[in-house]
PDB file of all heavy atoms in Angstrom:
ATOM      1  N   PRO A   1       0.802  -1.237   0.000  1.00  0.00           N
ATOM      2  CA  PRO A   1       0.000   0.000   0.000  1.00  0.00           C
ATOM      3  C   PRO A   1       0.827   1.275   0.000  1.00  0.00           C
ATOM      4  O   PRO A   1       0.351   2.317  -0.455  1.00  0.00           O
ATOM      5  CB  PRO A   1      -0.837  -0.121   1.278  1.00  0.00           C
ATOM      6  CG  PRO A   1      -0.109  -1.114   2.136  1.00  0.00           C
ATOM      7  CD  PRO A   1       0.536  -2.067   1.201  1.00  0.00           C
ATOM      8  N   ARG A   2       2.065   1.214   0.495  1.00  0.00           N
ATOM      9  CA  ARG A   2       2.872   2.437   0.542  1.00  0.00           C
ATOM     10  C   ARG A   2       3.264   2.914  -0.864  1.00  0.00           C
ATOM     11  O   ARG A   2       3.663   4.076  -1.030  1.00  0.00           O
ATOM     12  CB  ARG A   2       4.134   2.221   1.391  1.00  0.00           C
ATOM     13  CG  ARG A   2       3.848   2.200   2.888  1.00  0.00           C
ATOM     14  CD  ARG A   2       5.113   1.912   3.695  1.00  0.00           C
ATOM     15  NE  ARG A   2       6.168   2.892   3.464  1.00  0.00           N
ATOM     16  CZ  ARG A   2       6.255   4.066   4.087  1.00  0.00           C
ATOM     17  NH1 ARG A   2       5.327   4.414   4.989  1.00  0.00           N
ATOM     18  NH2 ARG A   2       7.249   4.900   3.827  1.00  0.00           N
ATOM     19  N   LEU A   3       3.130   2.050  -1.866  1.00  0.00           N
ATOM     20  CA  LEU A   3       3.432   2.505  -3.223  1.00  0.00           C
ATOM     21  C   LEU A   3       2.546   3.686  -3.620  1.00  0.00           C
ATOM     22  O   LEU A   3       2.984   4.579  -4.353  1.00  0.00           O
ATOM     23  CB  LEU A   3       3.267   1.356  -4.218  1.00  0.00           C
ATOM     24  CG  LEU A   3       4.356   0.278  -4.184  1.00  0.00           C
ATOM     25  CD1 LEU A   3       3.968  -0.885  -5.088  1.00  0.00           C
ATOM     26  CD2 LEU A   3       5.710   0.844  -4.599  1.00  0.00           C
ATOM     27  N   THR A   4       1.305   3.674  -3.137  1.00  0.00           N
ATOM     28  CA  THR A   4       0.429   4.810  -3.427  1.00  0.00           C
ATOM     29  C   THR A   4       0.270   5.743  -2.218  1.00  0.00           C
ATOM     30  O   THR A   4       0.024   6.936  -2.398  1.00  0.00           O
ATOM     31  CB  THR A   4      -0.954   4.329  -3.904  1.00  0.00           C
ATOM     32  OG1 THR A   4      -1.423   3.268  -3.057  1.00  0.00           O
ATOM     33  CG2 THR A   4      -0.861   3.815  -5.329  1.00  0.00           C
ATOM     34  N   GLU A   5       0.407   5.230  -1.011  1.00  0.00           N
ATOM     35  CA  GLU A   5       0.339   6.114   0.154  1.00  0.00           C
ATOM     36  C   GLU A   5       1.494   7.115   0.163  1.00  0.00           C
ATOM     37  O   GLU A   5       1.327   8.281   0.523  1.00  0.00           O
ATOM     38  CB  GLU A   5       0.378   5.287   1.444  1.00  0.00           C
ATOM     39  CG  GLU A   5      -0.877   4.455   1.678  1.00  0.00           C
ATOM     40  CD  GLU A   5      -0.720   3.503   2.850  1.00  0.00           C
ATOM     41  OE1 GLU A   5       0.394   3.466   3.443  1.00  0.00           O
ATOM     42  OE2 GLU A   5      -1.688   2.791   3.176  1.00  0.00           O
ATOM     43  N   VAL A   6       2.661   6.648  -0.261  1.00  0.00           N
ATOM     44  CA  VAL A   6       3.864   7.490  -0.306  1.00  0.00           C
ATOM     45  C   VAL A   6       4.264   7.796  -1.747  1.00  0.00           C
ATOM     46  O   VAL A   6       4.477   8.947  -2.135  1.00  0.00           O
ATOM     47  CB  VAL A   6       5.046   6.811   0.426  1.00  0.00           C
ATOM     48  CG1 VAL A   6       6.331   7.618   0.253  1.00  0.00           C
ATOM     49  CG2 VAL A   6       4.726   6.607   1.891  1.00  0.00           C
ATOM     50  N   GLY A   7       4.343   6.754  -2.572  1.00  0.00           N
ATOM     51  CA  GLY A   7       4.919   6.887  -3.906  1.00  0.00           C
ATOM     52  C   GLY A   7       4.082   7.663  -4.900  1.00  0.00           C
ATOM     53  O   GLY A   7       4.592   8.074  -5.941  1.00  0.00           O
ATOM     54  N   ALA A   8       2.796   7.872  -4.597  1.00  0.00           N
ATOM     55  CA  ALA A   8       1.925   8.589  -5.537  1.00  0.00           C
ATOM     56  C   ALA A   8       1.951  10.100  -5.345  1.00  0.00           C
ATOM     57  O   ALA A   8       1.268  10.817  -6.074  1.00  0.00           O
ATOM     58  CB  ALA A   8       0.487   8.083  -5.419  1.00  0.00           C
ATOM     59  N   TRP A   9       2.740  10.587  -4.375  1.00  0.00           N
ATOM     60  CA  TRP A   9       2.642  12.007  -4.020  1.00  0.00           C
ATOM     61  C   TRP A   9       4.033  12.627  -3.935  1.00  0.00           C
ATOM     62  O   TRP A   9       4.946  12.067  -3.351  1.00  0.00           O
ATOM     63  CB  TRP A   9       1.936  12.156  -2.667  1.00  0.00           C
ATOM     64  CG  TRP A   9       0.651  11.391  -2.634  1.00  0.00           C
ATOM     65  CD1 TRP A   9       0.451  10.118  -2.196  1.00  0.00           C
ATOM     66  CD2 TRP A   9      -0.606  11.836  -3.153  1.00  0.00           C
ATOM     67  NE1 TRP A   9      -0.858   9.740  -2.380  1.00  0.00           N
ATOM     68  CE2 TRP A   9      -1.535  10.779  -2.974  1.00  0.00           C
ATOM     69  CE3 TRP A   9      -1.042  13.027  -3.738  1.00  0.00           C
ATOM     70  CZ2 TRP A   9      -2.864  10.878  -3.363  1.00  0.00           C
ATOM     71  CZ3 TRP A   9      -2.374  13.125  -4.131  1.00  0.00           C
ATOM     72  CH2 TRP A   9      -3.266  12.056  -3.929  1.00  0.00           C
ATOM     73  N   ARG A  10       4.180  13.807  -4.517  1.00  0.00           N
ATOM     74  CA  ARG A  10       5.423  14.562  -4.381  1.00  0.00           C
ATOM     75  C   ARG A  10       5.122  15.911  -3.738  1.00  0.00           C
ATOM     76  O   ARG A  10       4.009  16.432  -3.838  1.00  0.00           O
ATOM     77  CB  ARG A  10       6.132  14.727  -5.717  1.00  0.00           C
ATOM     78  CG  ARG A  10       5.365  15.467  -6.801  1.00  0.00           C
ATOM     79  CD  ARG A  10       6.224  15.584  -8.074  1.00  0.00           C
ATOM     80  NE  ARG A  10       5.585  16.323  -9.146  1.00  0.00           N
ATOM     81  CZ  ARG A  10       5.011  15.784 -10.231  1.00  0.00           C
ATOM     82  NH1 ARG A  10       4.989  14.467 -10.368  1.00  0.00           N
ATOM     83  NH2 ARG A  10       4.476  16.557 -11.153  1.00  0.00           N
ATOM     84  N   LYS A  11       6.136  16.470  -3.110  1.00  0.00           N
ATOM     85  CA  LYS A  11       5.943  17.696  -2.336  1.00  0.00           C
ATOM     86  C   LYS A  11       5.777  18.919  -3.222  1.00  0.00           C
ATOM     87  O   LYS A  11       5.103  19.889  -2.836  1.00  0.00           O
ATOM     88  CB  LYS A  11       7.134  17.902  -1.392  1.00  0.00           C
ATOM     89  CG  LYS A  11       7.289  16.826  -0.342  1.00  0.00           C
ATOM     90  CD  LYS A  11       8.534  17.069   0.497  1.00  0.00           C
ATOM     91  CE  LYS A  11       8.713  15.991   1.556  1.00  0.00           C
ATOM     92  NZ  LYS A  11       9.958  16.195   2.341  1.00  0.00           N
ATOM     93  N   ALA A  12       6.419  18.926  -4.370  1.00  0.00           N
ATOM     94  CA  ALA A  12       6.415  20.099  -5.233  1.00  0.00           C
ATOM     95  C   ALA A  12       6.898  19.691  -6.612  1.00  0.00           C
ATOM     96  O   ALA A  12       7.408  18.579  -6.806  1.00  0.00           O
ATOM     97  CB  ALA A  12       7.320  21.191  -4.658  1.00  0.00           C
ATOM     98  N   THR A  13       6.732  20.599  -7.580  1.00  0.00           N
ATOM     99  CA  THR A  13       7.167  20.352  -8.950  1.00  0.00           C
ATOM    100  C   THR A  13       8.019  21.524  -9.410  1.00  0.00           C
ATOM    101  O   THR A  13       7.697  22.685  -9.127  1.00  0.00           O
ATOM    102  CB  THR A  13       5.956  20.201  -9.883  1.00  0.00           C
ATOM    103  OG1 THR A  13       5.131  19.124  -9.403  1.00  0.00           O
ATOM    104  CG2 THR A  13       6.403  19.875 -11.302  1.00  0.00           C
ATOM    105  N   VAL A  14       9.099  21.220 -10.115  1.00  0.00           N
ATOM    106  CA  VAL A  14       9.993  22.269 -10.588  1.00  0.00           C
ATOM    107  C   VAL A  14       9.238  23.223 -11.518  1.00  0.00           C
ATOM    108  O   VAL A  14       8.364  22.814 -12.286  1.00  0.00           O
ATOM    109  CB  VAL A  14      11.207  21.653 -11.312  1.00  0.00           C
ATOM    110  CG1 VAL A  14      10.806  21.000 -12.628  1.00  0.00           C
ATOM    111  CG2 VAL A  14      12.295  22.688 -11.529  1.00  0.00           C
ATOM    112  N   ILE A  15       9.534  24.502 -11.410  1.00  0.00           N
ATOM    113  CA  ILE A  15       8.948  25.502 -12.310  1.00  0.00           C
ATOM    114  C   ILE A  15       9.704  25.423 -13.629  1.00  0.00           C
ATOM    115  O   ILE A  15      10.926  25.601 -13.659  1.00  0.00           O
ATOM    116  CB  ILE A  15       9.039  26.917 -11.694  1.00  0.00           C
ATOM    117  CG1 ILE A  15       8.210  26.952 -10.390  1.00  0.00           C
ATOM    118  CG2 ILE A  15       8.550  27.977 -12.674  1.00  0.00           C
ATOM    119  CD1 ILE A  15       8.353  28.230  -9.606  1.00  0.00           C
ATOM    120  N   PRO A  16       9.033  25.165 -14.726  1.00  0.00           N
ATOM    121  CA  PRO A  16       9.744  24.748 -15.937  1.00  0.00           C
ATOM    122  C   PRO A  16      10.702  25.762 -16.527  1.00  0.00           C
ATOM    123  O   PRO A  16      11.726  25.390 -17.073  1.00  0.00           O
ATOM    124  CB  PRO A  16       8.617  24.446 -16.929  1.00  0.00           C
ATOM    125  CG  PRO A  16       7.409  25.110 -16.389  1.00  0.00           C
ATOM    126  CD  PRO A  16       7.577  25.107 -14.910  1.00  0.00           C
ATOM    127  N   TYR A  17      10.432  27.056 -16.407  1.00  0.00           N
ATOM    128  CA  TYR A  17      11.309  28.018 -17.068  1.00  0.00           C
ATOM    129  C   TYR A  17      12.706  28.025 -16.476  1.00  0.00           C
ATOM    130  O   TYR A  17      13.666  28.384 -17.139  1.00  0.00           O
ATOM    131  CB  TYR A  17      10.684  29.416 -17.027  1.00  0.00           C
ATOM    132  CG  TYR A  17       9.383  29.419 -17.759  1.00  0.00           C
ATOM    133  CD1 TYR A  17       8.173  29.370 -17.079  1.00  0.00           C
ATOM    134  CD2 TYR A  17       9.361  29.356 -19.156  1.00  0.00           C
ATOM    135  CE1 TYR A  17       6.977  29.309 -17.758  1.00  0.00           C
ATOM    136  CE2 TYR A  17       8.164  29.282 -19.842  1.00  0.00           C
ATOM    137  CZ  TYR A  17       6.985  29.268 -19.138  1.00  0.00           C
ATOM    138  OH  TYR A  17       5.799  29.182 -19.824  1.00  0.00           O
ATOM    139  N   ALA A  18      12.830  27.626 -15.244  1.00  0.00           N
ATOM    140  CA  ALA A  18      14.158  27.557 -14.639  1.00  0.00           C
ATOM    141  C   ALA A  18      14.917  26.319 -15.089  1.00  0.00           C
ATOM    142  O   ALA A  18      16.071  26.142 -14.744  1.00  0.00           O
ATOM    143  CB  ALA A  18      14.029  27.555 -13.120  1.00  0.00           C
ATOM    144  N   ASN A  19      14.266  25.488 -15.866  1.00  0.00           N
ATOM    145  CA  ASN A  19      14.858  24.200 -16.244  1.00  0.00           C
ATOM    146  C   ASN A  19      15.189  24.177 -17.734  1.00  0.00           C
ATOM    147  O   ASN A  19      15.351  23.123 -18.309  1.00  0.00           O
ATOM    148  CB  ASN A  19      13.864  23.079 -15.925  1.00  0.00           C
ATOM    149  CG  ASN A  19      14.559  21.757 -15.715  1.00  0.00           C
ATOM    150  OD1 ASN A  19      15.743  21.706 -15.462  1.00  0.00           O
ATOM    151  ND2 ASN A  19      13.790  20.679 -15.812  1.00  0.00           N
ATOM    152  N   ARG A  20      15.293  25.377 -18.343  1.00  0.00           N
ATOM    153  CA  ARG A  20      15.457  25.393 -19.795  1.00  0.00           C
ATOM    154  C   ARG A  20      16.842  25.879 -20.201  1.00  0.00           C
ATOM    155  O   ARG A  20      17.721  25.085 -20.465  1.00  0.00           O
ATOM    156  CB  ARG A  20      14.374  26.261 -20.438  1.00  0.00           C
ATOM    157  CG  ARG A  20      14.500  26.338 -21.942  1.00  0.00           C
ATOM    158  CD  ARG A  20      13.226  25.921 -22.607  1.00  0.00           C
ATOM    159  NE  ARG A  20      13.289  26.184 -24.037  1.00  0.00           N
ATOM    160  CZ  ARG A  20      13.446  25.254 -24.947  1.00  0.00           C
ATOM    161  NH1 ARG A  20      13.586  24.004 -24.596  1.00  0.00           N
ATOM    162  NH2 ARG A  20      13.470  25.566 -26.228  1.00  0.00           N
ATOM    163  N   ASP A  21      17.066  27.191 -20.211  1.00  0.00           N
ATOM    164  CA  ASP A  21      18.297  27.716 -20.778  1.00  0.00           C
ATOM    165  C   ASP A  21      19.255  28.347 -19.764  1.00  0.00           C
ATOM    166  O   ASP A  21      20.413  28.567 -20.074  1.00  0.00           O
ATOM    167  CB  ASP A  21      17.970  28.774 -21.857  1.00  0.00           C
ATOM    168  CG  ASP A  21      17.236  28.152 -23.035  1.00  0.00           C
ATOM    169  OD1 ASP A  21      17.585  27.022 -23.398  1.00  0.00           O
ATOM    170  OD2 ASP A  21      16.315  28.797 -23.555  1.00  0.00           O
ATOM    171  N   ASP A  22      18.749  28.664 -18.565  1.00  0.00           N
ATOM    172  CA  ASP A  22      19.614  29.410 -17.657  1.00  0.00           C
ATOM    173  C   ASP A  22      20.491  28.501 -16.796  1.00  0.00           C
ATOM    174  O   ASP A  22      21.406  28.976 -16.140  1.00  0.00           O
ATOM    175  CB  ASP A  22      18.796  30.352 -16.770  1.00  0.00           C
ATOM    176  CG  ASP A  22      17.684  29.628 -16.021  1.00  0.00           C
ATOM    177  OD1 ASP A  22      17.690  28.380 -16.001  1.00  0.00           O
ATOM    178  OD2 ASP A  22      16.824  30.325 -15.456  1.00  0.00           O
ATOM    179  N   HIS A  23      20.200  27.197 -16.772  1.00  0.00           N
ATOM    180  CA  HIS A  23      21.042  26.218 -16.075  1.00  0.00           C
ATOM    181  C   HIS A  23      21.290  26.609 -14.615  1.00  0.00           C
ATOM    182  O   HIS A  23      22.410  26.535 -14.118  1.00  0.00           O
ATOM    183  CB  HIS A  23      22.371  26.039 -16.808  1.00  0.00           C
ATOM    184  CG  HIS A  23      22.212  25.648 -18.239  1.00  0.00           C
ATOM    185  ND1 HIS A  23      21.720  24.418 -18.615  1.00  0.00           N
ATOM    186  CD2 HIS A  23      22.458  26.318 -19.389  1.00  0.00           C
ATOM    187  CE1 HIS A  23      21.678  24.350 -19.943  1.00  0.00           C
ATOM    188  NE2 HIS A  23      22.102  25.484 -20.435  1.00  0.00           N
ATOM    189  N   GLN A  24      20.255  27.043 -13.946  1.00  0.00           N
ATOM    190  CA  GLN A  24      20.416  27.392 -12.539  1.00  0.00           C
ATOM    191  C   GLN A  24      20.782  26.151 -11.732  1.00  0.00           C
ATOM    192  O   GLN A  24      20.260  25.057 -11.956  1.00  0.00           O
ATOM    193  CB  GLN A  24      19.126  27.997 -11.989  1.00  0.00           C
ATOM    194  CG  GLN A  24      18.798  29.358 -12.585  1.00  0.00           C
ATOM    195  CD  GLN A  24      17.593  29.978 -11.915  1.00  0.00           C
ATOM    196  OE1 GLN A  24      17.255  29.595 -10.800  1.00  0.00           O
ATOM    197  NE2 GLN A  24      16.968  30.929 -12.577  1.00  0.00           N
ATOM    198  N   VAL A  25      21.667  26.342 -10.770  1.00  0.00           N
ATOM    199  CA  VAL A  25      22.059  25.231  -9.898  1.00  0.00           C
ATOM    200  C   VAL A  25      20.926  24.902  -8.943  1.00  0.00           C
ATOM    201  O   VAL A  25      20.614  23.740  -8.684  1.00  0.00           O
ATOM    202  CB  VAL A  25      23.343  25.587  -9.118  1.00  0.00           C
ATOM    203  CG1 VAL A  25      23.681  24.471  -8.132  1.00  0.00           C
ATOM    204  CG2 VAL A  25      24.499  25.827 -10.072  1.00  0.00           C
ATOM    205  N   ILE A  26      20.289  25.919  -8.383  1.00  0.00           N
ATOM    206  CA  ILE A  26      19.153  25.720  -7.490  1.00  0.00           C
ATOM    207  C   ILE A  26      17.882  26.028  -8.273  1.00  0.00           C
ATOM    208  O   ILE A  26      17.621  27.179  -8.633  1.00  0.00           O
ATOM    209  CB  ILE A  26      19.257  26.630  -6.249  1.00  0.00           C
ATOM    210  CG1 ILE A  26      20.551  26.327  -5.485  1.00  0.00           C
ATOM    211  CG2 ILE A  26      18.043  26.435  -5.348  1.00  0.00           C
ATOM    212  CD1 ILE A  26      20.795  27.245  -4.309  1.00  0.00           C
ATOM    213  N   LEU A  27      17.098  25.006  -8.551  1.00  0.00           N
ATOM    214  CA  LEU A  27      15.891  25.185  -9.343  1.00  0.00           C
ATOM    215  C   LEU A  27      14.725  25.585  -8.446  1.00  0.00           C
ATOM    216  O   LEU A  27      14.510  24.972  -7.391  1.00  0.00           O
ATOM    217  CB  LEU A  27      15.548  23.883 -10.070  1.00  0.00           C
ATOM    218  CG  LEU A  27      16.591  23.374 -11.060  1.00  0.00           C
ATOM    219  CD1 LEU A  27      16.169  22.011 -11.586  1.00  0.00           C
ATOM    220  CD2 LEU A  27      16.768  24.347 -12.206  1.00  0.00           C
ATOM    221  N   PRO A  28      13.972  26.599  -8.820  1.00  0.00           N
ATOM    222  CA  PRO A  28      12.796  26.957  -8.013  1.00  0.00           C
ATOM    223  C   PRO A  28      11.651  25.966  -8.221  1.00  0.00           C
ATOM    224  O   PRO A  28      11.431  25.485  -9.335  1.00  0.00           O
ATOM    225  CB  PRO A  28      12.422  28.337  -8.550  1.00  0.00           C
ATOM    226  CG  PRO A  28      12.954  28.379  -9.937  1.00  0.00           C
ATOM    227  CD  PRO A  28      14.181  27.513  -9.949  1.00  0.00           C
ATOM    228  N   TYR A  29      10.945  25.678  -7.142  1.00  0.00           N
ATOM    229  CA  TYR A  29       9.811  24.761  -7.186  1.00  0.00           C
ATOM    230  C   TYR A  29       8.532  25.524  -6.847  1.00  0.00           C
ATOM    231  O   TYR A  29       8.561  26.590  -6.237  1.00  0.00           O
ATOM    232  CB  TYR A  29      10.022  23.606  -6.197  1.00  0.00           C
ATOM    233  CG  TYR A  29      11.035  22.595  -6.673  1.00  0.00           C
ATOM    234  CD1 TYR A  29      12.393  22.884  -6.637  1.00  0.00           C
ATOM    235  CD2 TYR A  29      10.640  21.368  -7.190  1.00  0.00           C
ATOM    236  CE1 TYR A  29      13.331  21.972  -7.088  1.00  0.00           C
ATOM    237  CE2 TYR A  29      11.567  20.445  -7.646  1.00  0.00           C
ATOM    238  CZ  TYR A  29      12.914  20.753  -7.590  1.00  0.00           C
ATOM    239  OH  TYR A  29      13.835  19.845  -8.054  1.00  0.00           O
ATOM    240  N   ASP A  30       7.390  24.941  -7.236  1.00  0.00           N
ATOM    241  CA  ASP A  30       6.120  25.633  -7.017  1.00  0.00           C
ATOM    242  C   ASP A  30       5.565  25.449  -5.609  1.00  0.00           C
ATOM    243  O   ASP A  30       4.597  26.112  -5.229  1.00  0.00           O
ATOM    244  CB  ASP A  30       5.087  25.198  -8.057  1.00  0.00           C
ATOM    245  CG  ASP A  30       4.780  23.700  -8.018  1.00  0.00           C
ATOM    246  OD1 ASP A  30       5.193  23.013  -7.052  1.00  0.00           O
ATOM    247  OD2 ASP A  30       4.143  23.202  -8.963  1.00  0.00           O
ATOM    248  N   ASN A  31       6.159  24.520  -4.834  1.00  0.00           N
ATOM    249  CA  ASN A  31       5.718  24.251  -3.459  1.00  0.00           C
ATOM    250  C   ASN A  31       4.255  23.830  -3.390  1.00  0.00           C
ATOM    251  O   ASN A  31       3.583  24.054  -2.378  1.00  0.00           O
ATOM    252  CB  ASN A  31       5.964  25.464  -2.558  1.00  0.00           C
ATOM    253  CG  ASN A  31       7.445  25.786  -2.429  1.00  0.00           C
ATOM    254  OD1 ASN A  31       8.261  24.872  -2.287  1.00  0.00           O
ATOM    255  ND2 ASN A  31       7.800  27.052  -2.509  1.00  0.00           N
TER     256      ASN A  31
END
C-alpha cells in the first residue's frame, strides 16, 4: 500500500522556465 500512500505524491514540482536555458544550480519549485 505504501506505493500509493507514499509513492503517488510529491511535495512540489519544478517551475519549468528555470529548467530550460539558464542552467540554474538551485531550481525553483512551485511548493
